């Protein structure tokens, strides 16, 4: 009897490990397909009268962990703007999975047309926090980024709750205040949602669809304010 219970326990443990590994591999496998999706999306001709949205950043803007690329943060922002304004959205997504602030500065910004964008949304810094970018380098990079961003049309996410957030968030916060860049308050959004592991994907790191909805809720007030300003400017 004891042997039967032991082998059953081992079998269940192995099955659990296999399921968890398969889920994690599935999320990892999204990297190539989601990047391909956004490259194709960026090549589409914008509809007449479209609101032009530029998104920059890391895997969060790619939507890694969501059930489809458009269920990630960039897609949710575009969907919200369409519903709120009843206008089409021309979304340009230059984000790259794994990007740090320095990568955004050197690889994404050269492709970005700030003048053509009506709204700019950014999620970056998670990889700096998780991989422990030297704080001096992070401080210099984040300040360089904030200095270049148009303050009248940009929202940037706070450092998410990974790695050493308590070290990197004050730096981002201070720089955003100095350069008057709007922040998406992730800590408050997740605190209000009151959720735990139920918001993560199969790798237990990236958000799932519900997690991305909470991420978006942090952006929504700032996006709405920018839309109100845009409406006033176009009258």
Protein backbone atom coordinates (compact mmCIF):
# COMPACT_ATOMS: atom_id res chain seq x y z
CA UNK A 1 0.00 0.00 0.00
CA UNK A 2 2.81 2.39 0.92
CA UNK A 3 4.59 1.62 -2.35
CA UNK A 4 1.40 2.35 -4.30
CA UNK A 5 0.94 5.73 -2.58
CA UNK A 6 4.62 6.57 -3.14
CA UNK A 7 4.57 5.76 -6.85
CA UNK A 8 1.26 7.58 -7.31
CA UNK A 9 2.74 10.66 -5.64
CA UNK A 10 5.81 10.51 -7.86
CA UNK A 11 3.63 10.11 -10.95
CA UNK A 12 1.49 13.12 -10.03
CA UNK A 13 4.60 15.18 -9.31
CA UNK A 14 6.12 14.29 -12.69
CA UNK A 15 2.86 15.13 -14.45
CA UNK A 16 2.71 18.49 -12.68
CA UNK A 17 6.29 19.29 -13.69
CA UNK A 18 5.55 18.31 -17.31
CA UNK A 19 2.43 20.53 -17.41
CA UNK A 20 4.26 23.49 -15.89
CA UNK A 21 7.19 23.05 -18.27
CA UNK A 22 4.86 22.82 -21.26
CA UNK A 23 3.08 26.01 -20.25
CA UNK A 24 6.38 27.86 -19.79
CA UNK A 25 7.66 26.62 -23.16
CA UNK A 26 4.40 27.77 -24.73
CA UNK A 27 4.88 31.29 -23.43
CA UNK A 28 8.51 31.34 -24.55
CA UNK A 29 7.40 30.22 -27.99
CA UNK A 30 5.27 33.36 -28.35
CA UNK A 31 8.37 35.53 -28.74
CA UNK A 32 8.87 34.88 -32.46
CA UNK A 33 5.22 34.70 -33.49
CA UNK A 34 4.20 37.85 -31.60
CA UNK A 35 7.17 39.80 -32.98
CA UNK A 36 6.17 38.69 -36.49
CA UNK A 37 2.58 39.76 -35.83
CA UNK A 38 3.61 43.28 -34.86
CA UNK A 39 6.04 43.67 -37.76
CA UNK A 40 3.21 42.84 -40.16
CA UNK A 41 0.83 45.10 -38.25
CA UNK A 42 3.25 48.04 -38.49
CA UNK A 43 3.25 47.78 -42.27
CA UNK A 44 -0.50 48.27 -42.60
CA UNK A 45 -1.74 51.52 -44.08
CA UNK A 46 -3.54 53.65 -41.47
CA UNK A 47 -7.21 54.39 -41.99
CA UNK A 48 -8.30 57.95 -42.68
CA UNK A 49 -8.72 59.95 -39.50
CA UNK A 50 -6.89 57.42 -37.37
CA UNK A 51 -5.42 58.33 -34.00
CA UNK A 52 -1.73 57.51 -34.23
CA UNK A 53 -0.36 55.55 -31.28
CA UNK A 54 3.30 54.67 -30.86
CA UNK A 55 4.29 52.00 -28.34
CA UNK A 56 7.83 51.25 -27.22
CA UNK A 57 9.31 48.90 -24.68
CA UNK A 58 9.71 45.24 -23.86
CA UNK A 59 7.69 42.00 -23.78
CA UNK A 60 4.78 43.71 -22.05
CA UNK A 61 4.13 45.80 -25.15
CA UNK A 62 4.61 42.69 -27.29
CA UNK A 63 1.89 41.00 -25.23
CA UNK A 64 3.93 37.95 -24.21
CA UNK A 65 1.81 35.76 -21.95
CA UNK A 66 -1.51 36.96 -23.36
CA UNK A 67 -3.70 34.62 -25.39
CA UNK A 68 -2.99 36.70 -28.52
CA UNK A 69 -0.76 39.70 -29.30
CA UNK A 70 -3.67 42.15 -29.33
CA UNK A 71 -4.65 41.09 -25.80
CA UNK A 72 -1.37 42.54 -24.51
CA UNK A 73 -0.90 46.12 -23.35
CA UNK A 74 -0.43 47.70 -26.77
CA UNK A 75 -3.54 46.03 -28.15
CA UNK A 76 -5.66 46.97 -25.13
CA UNK A 77 -4.60 50.60 -25.40
CA UNK A 78 -5.59 50.67 -29.08
CA UNK A 79 -8.92 48.97 -28.38
CA UNK A 80 -9.74 51.41 -25.59
CA UNK A 81 -8.98 54.43 -27.75
CA UNK A 82 -11.18 53.12 -30.56
CA UNK A 83 -14.10 52.49 -28.21
CA UNK A 84 -13.75 55.83 -26.46
CA UNK A 85 -13.32 57.98 -29.56
CA UNK A 86 -15.13 55.93 -32.22
CA UNK A 87 -12.11 56.54 -34.42
CA UNK A 88 -9.68 54.03 -35.93
CA UNK A 89 -6.24 53.66 -34.38
CA UNK A 90 -2.98 53.38 -36.29
CA UNK A 91 -0.77 51.50 -33.84
CA UNK A 92 2.97 51.30 -34.42
CA UNK A 93 4.59 48.81 -32.06
CA UNK A 94 8.40 49.02 -31.95
CA UNK A 95 8.79 47.06 -28.71
CA UNK A 96 11.21 44.13 -28.40
CA UNK A 97 11.02 41.28 -25.92
CA UNK A 98 13.87 41.44 -23.42
CA UNK A 99 14.63 45.11 -24.03
CA UNK A 100 16.20 47.27 -21.35
CA UNK A 101 16.10 51.06 -21.23
CA UNK A 102 19.46 51.24 -23.03
CA UNK A 103 18.09 49.02 -25.82
CA UNK A 104 15.10 51.28 -26.24
CA UNK A 105 17.36 54.31 -26.51
CA UNK A 106 19.73 52.79 -29.04
CA UNK A 107 17.50 50.50 -31.12
CA UNK A 108 13.87 51.63 -30.85
CA UNK A 109 14.12 55.40 -30.68
CA UNK A 110 15.97 55.69 -34.02
CA UNK A 111 12.90 54.11 -35.65
CA UNK A 112 10.36 56.19 -33.71
CA UNK A 113 8.57 59.16 -35.26
CA UNK A 114 7.46 61.22 -32.27
CA UNK A 115 6.14 64.03 -34.45
CA UNK A 116 3.72 61.71 -36.23
CA UNK A 117 2.35 60.18 -33.03
CA UNK A 118 -0.69 61.48 -31.16
CA UNK A 119 -0.04 59.28 -28.13
CA UNK A 120 3.13 57.46 -27.01
CA UNK A 121 2.91 54.58 -24.52
CA UNK A 122 5.98 52.95 -23.02
CA UNK A 123 6.66 49.96 -20.80
CA UNK A 124 10.32 49.48 -20.05
CA UNK A 125 12.53 48.85 -16.96
CA UNK A 126 11.32 45.36 -15.98
CA UNK A 127 14.41 43.74 -17.48
CA UNK A 128 16.68 46.31 -15.87
CA UNK A 129 15.16 45.53 -12.48
CA UNK A 130 15.13 41.76 -12.98
CA UNK A 131 18.64 41.54 -14.41
CA UNK A 132 20.04 44.19 -12.08
CA UNK A 133 21.40 46.77 -14.46
CA UNK A 134 23.96 48.85 -12.52
CA UNK A 135 21.96 51.63 -10.93
CA UNK A 136 24.29 54.33 -12.26
CA UNK A 137 23.75 53.11 -15.83
CA UNK A 138 19.99 52.84 -15.31
CA UNK A 139 19.83 56.35 -13.88
CA UNK A 140 21.70 57.79 -16.85
CA UNK A 141 19.65 55.84 -19.39
CA UNK A 142 16.24 56.57 -17.89
CA UNK A 143 17.05 60.28 -17.62
CA UNK A 144 18.23 60.34 -21.24
CA UNK A 145 14.98 58.68 -22.29
CA UNK A 146 12.73 61.00 -20.27
CA UNK A 147 14.54 64.04 -21.68
CA UNK A 148 13.78 62.94 -25.24
CA UNK A 149 10.11 62.04 -24.75
CA UNK A 150 7.41 64.56 -25.72
CA UNK A 151 5.82 65.42 -22.39
CA UNK A 152 2.51 66.44 -23.95
CA UNK A 153 1.76 62.99 -25.41
CA UNK A 154 3.67 60.31 -23.45
CA UNK A 155 2.76 57.81 -20.71
CA UNK A 156 5.42 55.49 -19.25
CA UNK A 157 4.82 52.56 -16.92
CA UNK A 158 6.33 52.41 -13.48
CA UNK A 159 8.77 49.61 -12.71
CA UNK A 160 6.68 46.43 -12.25
CA UNK A 161 6.91 44.20 -9.20
CA UNK A 162 9.85 42.09 -10.34
CA UNK A 163 13.51 42.00 -9.37
CA UNK A 164 14.60 44.98 -7.30
CA UNK A 165 11.68 47.32 -7.95
CA UNK A 166 12.35 49.25 -4.74
CA UNK A 167 15.78 50.21 -6.10
CA UNK A 168 14.77 51.22 -9.62
CA UNK A 169 11.31 52.73 -9.12
CA UNK A 170 12.50 55.83 -7.20
CA UNK A 171 14.92 56.60 -10.03
CA UNK A 172 12.19 56.32 -12.68
CA UNK A 173 9.76 58.31 -10.54
CA UNK A 174 12.21 61.15 -9.92
CA UNK A 175 13.18 61.40 -13.58
CA UNK A 176 9.55 61.37 -14.74
CA UNK A 177 8.74 64.18 -12.32
CA UNK A 178 11.74 66.21 -13.45
CA UNK A 179 10.83 65.93 -17.12
CA UNK A 180 7.05 66.09 -16.54
CA UNK A 181 6.33 62.69 -18.11
CA UNK A 182 3.09 60.94 -17.13
CA UNK A 183 3.38 57.64 -15.25
CA UNK A 184 1.12 54.61 -15.21
CA UNK A 185 0.90 53.69 -11.51
CA UNK A 186 1.19 49.88 -11.60
CA UNK A 187 1.47 49.38 -7.84
CA UNK A 188 -1.86 51.09 -7.19
CA UNK A 189 -3.57 49.25 -10.05
CA UNK A 190 -2.51 45.83 -8.80
CA UNK A 191 -3.25 46.74 -5.19
CA UNK A 192 -6.81 47.70 -6.11
CA UNK A 193 -7.24 44.51 -8.13
CA UNK A 194 -6.22 42.43 -5.12
CA UNK A 195 -5.00 39.47 -7.20
CA UNK A 196 -2.09 37.06 -6.89
CA UNK A 197 -0.72 34.34 -9.14
CA UNK A 198 -4.01 34.25 -11.02
CA UNK A 199 -2.75 37.12 -13.17
CA UNK A 200 0.38 35.43 -14.52
CA UNK A 201 0.90 33.32 -17.64
CA UNK A 202 2.33 29.82 -17.81
CA UNK A 203 5.87 31.01 -17.12
CA UNK A 204 4.73 32.59 -13.83
CA UNK A 205 6.42 35.81 -14.92
CA UNK A 206 4.51 37.52 -17.72
CA UNK A 207 0.88 38.60 -17.28
CA UNK A 208 -2.00 36.55 -18.63
CA UNK A 209 -5.06 38.24 -20.17
CA UNK A 210 -6.36 39.29 -16.75
CA UNK A 211 -2.93 40.58 -15.77
CA UNK A 212 -2.78 42.72 -18.88
CA UNK A 213 -6.19 44.18 -18.10
CA UNK A 214 -4.80 45.34 -14.76
CA UNK A 215 -1.69 46.76 -16.46
CA UNK A 216 -3.98 48.66 -18.81
CA UNK A 217 -6.05 50.03 -15.92
CA UNK A 218 -2.89 51.84 -14.75
CA UNK A 219 -2.55 53.48 -18.18
CA UNK A 220 -6.24 54.26 -18.72
CA UNK A 221 -6.55 57.53 -16.73
CA UNK A 222 -3.49 59.02 -18.41
CA UNK A 223 -4.56 57.85 -21.86
CA UNK A 224 -8.01 59.34 -21.32
CA UNK A 225 -6.52 62.67 -20.29
CA UNK A 226 -4.33 62.73 -23.38
CA UNK A 227 -7.37 61.94 -25.53
CA UNK A 228 -9.28 64.84 -23.95
CA UNK A 229 -6.36 67.15 -24.69
CA UNK A 230 -6.13 65.83 -28.24
CA UNK A 231 -9.85 66.44 -28.76
CA UNK A 232 -9.47 70.04 -27.54
CA UNK A 233 -6.48 70.67 -29.81
CA UNK A 234 -8.30 69.40 -32.91
CA UNK A 235 -11.42 71.55 -32.43
